[in-house]
Protein backbone atom coordinates (compact mmCIF):
# COMPACT_ATOMS: atom_id res chain seq x y z
CA UNK A 1 -0.05 0.02 0.02
CA UNK A 2 1.50 3.34 -0.85
CA UNK A 3 2.04 5.72 1.80
CA UNK A 4 -0.61 8.60 2.23
CA UNK A 5 0.33 11.94 1.32
CA UNK A 6 -0.81 14.52 4.03
CA UNK A 7 -3.33 16.95 2.64
CA UNK A 8 -1.89 20.10 0.73
CA UNK A 9 -2.52 23.13 2.31
CA UNK A 10 -3.62 25.74 -0.10
CA UNK A 11 -0.98 28.27 -0.81
CA UNK A 12 -1.52 31.97 -0.06
CA UNK A 13 0.19 34.82 -1.97
CA UNK A 14 0.68 38.11 -0.68
CA UNK A 15 -0.53 39.63 -4.05
CA UNK A 16 -3.75 37.67 -4.02
CA UNK A 17 -4.54 38.95 -0.69
CA UNK A 18 -4.10 42.61 -1.72
CA UNK A 19 -6.36 41.65 -4.43
CA UNK A 20 -9.18 40.36 -2.10
CA UNK A 21 -8.75 43.43 0.07
CA UNK A 22 -8.47 46.04 -2.72
CA UNK A 23 -9.90 44.59 -6.07
CA UNK A 24 -13.66 45.23 -5.10
CA UNK A 25 -12.56 49.02 -4.35
CA UNK A 26 -10.94 49.15 -7.54
CA UNK A 27 -14.01 47.75 -9.36
CA UNK A 28 -16.10 50.47 -7.62
CA UNK A 29 -13.99 53.36 -8.86
CA UNK A 30 -14.04 51.81 -12.32
CA UNK A 31 -17.63 51.60 -12.65
CA UNK A 32 -18.26 54.89 -10.95
CA UNK A 33 -15.76 56.75 -13.49
CA UNK A 34 -17.37 54.93 -16.55
CA UNK A 35 -20.95 56.21 -15.75
CA UNK A 36 -20.02 59.59 -14.14
CA UNK A 37 -21.41 62.18 -16.45
CA UNK A 38 -18.68 64.40 -18.31
CA UNK A 39 -20.47 67.71 -16.69
CA UNK A 40 -20.96 66.63 -13.26
CA UNK A 41 -24.55 66.93 -12.13
CA UNK A 42 -26.45 65.72 -8.92
CA UNK A 43 -28.56 63.28 -10.67
CA UNK A 44 -25.76 62.06 -12.85
CA UNK A 45 -23.18 61.50 -9.87
CA UNK A 46 -26.07 59.66 -8.05
CA UNK A 47 -26.56 57.15 -10.84
CA UNK A 48 -22.78 56.64 -11.16
CA UNK A 49 -22.50 56.00 -7.23
CA UNK A 50 -25.41 53.47 -7.39
CA UNK A 51 -24.09 51.64 -10.35
CA UNK A 52 -20.50 51.77 -8.54
CA UNK A 53 -21.93 50.65 -5.27
CA UNK A 54 -23.73 47.49 -6.89
CA UNK A 55 -20.38 46.74 -8.67
CA UNK A 56 -18.78 47.04 -5.27
CA UNK A 57 -21.34 44.75 -3.62
CA UNK A 58 -20.72 41.90 -6.37
CA UNK A 59 -17.27 42.23 -6.45
CA UNK A 60 -16.71 42.13 -2.64
CA UNK A 61 -18.79 38.82 -2.49
CA UNK A 62 -16.99 37.39 -5.45
CA UNK A 63 -13.74 38.18 -3.61
CA UNK A 64 -14.94 36.60 -0.40
CA UNK A 65 -15.80 33.40 -2.51
CA UNK A 66 -12.42 33.61 -4.14
CA UNK A 67 -10.47 33.92 -0.79
CA UNK A 68 -12.55 30.82 0.43
CA UNK A 69 -11.97 28.45 -2.65
CA UNK A 70 -8.65 29.81 -3.93
CA UNK A 71 -6.84 30.66 -0.56
CA UNK A 72 -8.67 28.28 1.59
CA UNK A 73 -9.55 30.50 4.18
CA UNK A 74 -11.91 33.45 5.02
CA UNK A 75 -10.93 35.73 7.70
CA UNK A 76 -13.27 37.33 10.31
CA UNK A 77 -12.30 40.38 8.93
CA UNK A 78 -13.06 39.69 5.56
CA UNK A 79 -16.42 38.32 6.45
CA UNK A 80 -17.55 41.35 8.55
CA UNK A 81 -16.10 43.53 6.07
CA UNK A 82 -18.13 41.83 3.20
CA UNK A 83 -21.20 41.84 5.37
CA UNK A 84 -21.07 45.56 5.67
CA UNK A 85 -20.43 46.25 2.07
CA UNK A 86 -23.66 44.56 1.13
CA UNK A 87 -25.78 45.95 3.97
CA UNK A 88 -24.53 49.39 3.60
CA UNK A 89 -24.36 49.24 -0.35
CA UNK A 90 -27.99 48.20 -0.24
CA UNK A 91 -28.79 51.38 2.30
CA UNK A 92 -27.05 53.63 -0.70
CA UNK A 93 -28.69 52.08 -3.37
CA UNK A 94 -32.16 52.24 -1.78
CA UNK A 95 -31.90 55.96 -0.47
CA UNK A 96 -29.63 57.12 -3.24
CA UNK A 97 -27.34 58.60 -0.58
CA UNK A 98 -23.63 57.92 -0.68
CA UNK A 99 -22.96 58.74 2.98
CA UNK A 100 -23.68 55.16 3.99
CA UNK A 101 -21.20 53.56 1.72
CA UNK A 102 -18.78 56.40 2.97
CA UNK A 103 -19.63 55.35 6.51
CA UNK A 104 -18.67 51.71 5.99
CA UNK A 105 -14.93 52.16 6.65
CA UNK A 106 -15.42 54.10 9.80
CA UNK A 107 -17.73 51.66 11.12
CA UNK A 108 -15.06 48.82 10.31
CA UNK A 109 -12.33 50.72 11.65
CA UNK A 110 -14.00 51.61 14.81
CA UNK A 111 -15.24 48.07 15.60
CA UNK A 112 -12.10 46.50 15.28
CA UNK A 113 -9.94 49.31 17.02
CA UNK A 114 -12.51 49.07 20.04
CA UNK A 115 -12.18 45.34 19.84
CA UNK A 116 -8.55 45.05 20.05
CA UNK A 117 -8.11 47.64 22.54
CA UNK A 118 -10.70 46.21 24.69
CA UNK A 119 -9.20 42.82 24.28
CA UNK A 120 -5.68 44.29 25.35
CA UNK A 121 -6.62 46.41 28.07
CA UNK A 122 -9.65 44.58 29.87
CA UNK A 123 -9.07 40.87 28.73
CA UNK A 124 -5.40 40.87 28.42
CA UNK A 125 -5.83 38.99 24.93
CA UNK A 126 -4.53 39.63 21.59
CA UNK A 127 -7.44 39.28 19.70
CA UNK A 128 -5.45 40.03 16.28
CA UNK A 129 -4.02 36.54 16.99
CA UNK A 130 -7.60 35.35 16.45
CA UNK A 131 -8.55 37.25 13.52
CA UNK A 132 -5.21 36.59 11.51
CA UNK A 133 -5.46 32.84 12.64
CA UNK A 134 -1.93 33.10 14.52
CA UNK A 135 -0.22 33.63 10.97
CA UNK A 136 3.30 34.90 12.40
CA UNK A 137 5.05 31.79 13.45
CA UNK A 138 7.22 32.23 16.29
CA UNK A 139 5.83 35.53 17.78
CA UNK A 140 5.35 35.73 21.37
CA UNK A 141 2.28 36.48 23.21
CA UNK A 142 3.73 39.90 24.37
CA UNK A 143 4.52 40.36 20.62
CA UNK A 144 0.65 39.67 19.80
CA UNK A 145 -0.30 41.84 22.52
CA UNK A 146 1.59 44.81 21.26
CA UNK A 147 0.52 44.24 17.66
CA UNK A 148 -2.90 44.15 18.54
CA UNK A 149 -2.68 47.31 20.63
CA UNK A 150 -0.78 49.08 18.04
CA UNK A 151 -3.41 48.18 15.26
CA UNK A 152 -6.26 49.19 17.82
CA UNK A 153 -4.96 52.71 17.71
CA UNK A 154 -3.87 52.66 13.93
CA UNK A 155 -7.72 51.57 13.39
CA UNK A 156 -9.00 54.54 15.30
CA UNK A 157 -6.72 56.80 13.34
CA UNK A 158 -7.93 55.67 10.16
CA UNK A 159 -11.67 55.71 11.23
CA UNK A 160 -10.65 59.69 12.13
CA UNK A 161 -8.95 60.28 8.83
CA UNK A 162 -12.00 58.75 6.96
CA UNK A 163 -14.31 61.01 8.53
CA UNK A 164 -12.31 64.29 7.72
CA UNK A 165 -11.68 63.23 4.22
CA UNK A 166 -15.50 62.28 3.80
CA UNK A 167 -16.40 65.87 5.05
CA UNK A 168 -13.92 67.54 2.99
CA UNK A 169 -13.47 65.79 -0.17
CA UNK A 170 -15.93 65.11 -3.40
CA UNK A 171 -17.37 61.41 -3.50
CA UNK A 172 -14.69 60.82 -6.39
CA UNK A 173 -11.72 62.20 -4.35
CA UNK A 174 -12.64 60.30 -1.40
CA UNK A 175 -12.53 57.30 -3.56
CA UNK A 176 -9.31 57.99 -4.81
CA UNK A 177 -8.04 58.40 -1.14
CA UNK A 178 -8.69 54.93 -0.41
CA UNK A 179 -5.79 53.98 -2.80
CA UNK A 180 -3.49 56.97 -2.51
CA UNK A 181 -4.04 57.60 1.04
CA UNK A 182 -5.17 54.82 3.20
CA UNK A 183 -3.43 52.03 1.20
CA UNK A 184 0.04 53.62 1.43
CA UNK A 185 -0.32 54.68 5.23
CA UNK A 186 -1.58 50.76 5.83
CA UNK A 187 1.61 49.43 4.18
CA UNK A 188 3.87 51.97 5.92
CA UNK A 189 2.23 51.00 9.24
CA UNK A 190 2.72 47.34 8.56
CA UNK A 191 6.31 47.78 7.84
CA UNK A 192 6.94 49.84 10.83
CA UNK A 193 5.79 46.78 12.95
CA UNK A 194 8.42 44.28 11.45
CA UNK A 195 11.35 45.42 14.06
CA UNK A 196 9.03 45.10 16.89
CA UNK A 197 7.85 41.51 15.52
CA UNK A 198 11.13 40.32 15.09
CA UNK A 199 12.17 41.24 18.58
CA UNK A 200 9.48 39.20 20.10
CA UNK A 201 10.46 35.96 18.27
CA UNK A 202 8.88 36.33 14.74
CA UNK A 203 10.69 33.81 12.65
CA UNK A 204 12.70 35.59 9.80
CA UNK A 205 11.43 33.30 7.07
CA UNK A 206 7.99 34.53 8.03
CA UNK A 207 8.37 38.10 7.54
CA UNK A 208 6.49 38.42 4.17
CA UNK A 209 3.31 37.20 6.35
CA UNK A 210 3.24 40.67 7.94
CA UNK A 211 2.58 42.08 4.43
CA UNK A 212 0.43 38.99 3.32
CA UNK A 213 -1.90 38.79 6.43
CA UNK A 214 -2.32 42.28 7.05
CA UNK A 215 -5.71 43.43 8.39
CA UNK A 216 -7.86 44.64 5.27
CA UNK A 217 -9.03 48.30 5.01
CA UNK A 218 -10.55 48.77 1.91
C-alpha cells in the first residue's frame, strides 16, 4: 500500500490577498468613473454612485468566495467587511445617498479598533491573533499583545481620517484617497511593525506574512 500523503494546504500569495482586499474597491472606482457624466450634475453623479455601489457589492462577495475556494480561508475581518459592504451598499442604493457607503470604513475601523483595545486592556488578550489565525510563526504572546494594541490605535486613526476626508472631499476624491492615502499608510504602518515583531520572536522566514496577512482596510 502506498504511503498516504498529507493534505496539501492551499498556498497563499501576498498579491492575491491584496487583490482580495482592494480589488472590489478598484471595481467600484472603475464603474463609478465609467458612468460619471462628463459635466458633473447631482443626478448623474448619484446614478454613477449607485452603479458603482452595486458593482462593489458583487465584487466584494466574489472576493470572499475567491478567498474561500482559492486561498482556502475567509478571515473574520473579510466576512465582517463584506457583510457591511452588502448592507450599507443596499442602503446606498435604496436611499440614493452615498453617505452610507462612505460610513462603512469608519464603522469597520472603529469596531476593530475598539475590539483590539478592549481585548488588550480589559481581557489581556491579543484578539488580532484570532483574527489573523496566528499567522506569524514564533511570535510571542507579548508580541501579539503589542501588535493588537498598535493596530487598535491605528484603526482609530484611520476612522478619524476617513471622517475628515469624507467631510472635506468630493465623493470621487474620497474614492481615490482609499488608494493614494489609506493604502500607503496601511503598508507603511505594517512595515513599521516588523522590528517589534522580530524582537518578540517572529521567525525571519515569516516576514512576508506581515504583509500577506495584514488586516484589510478597504
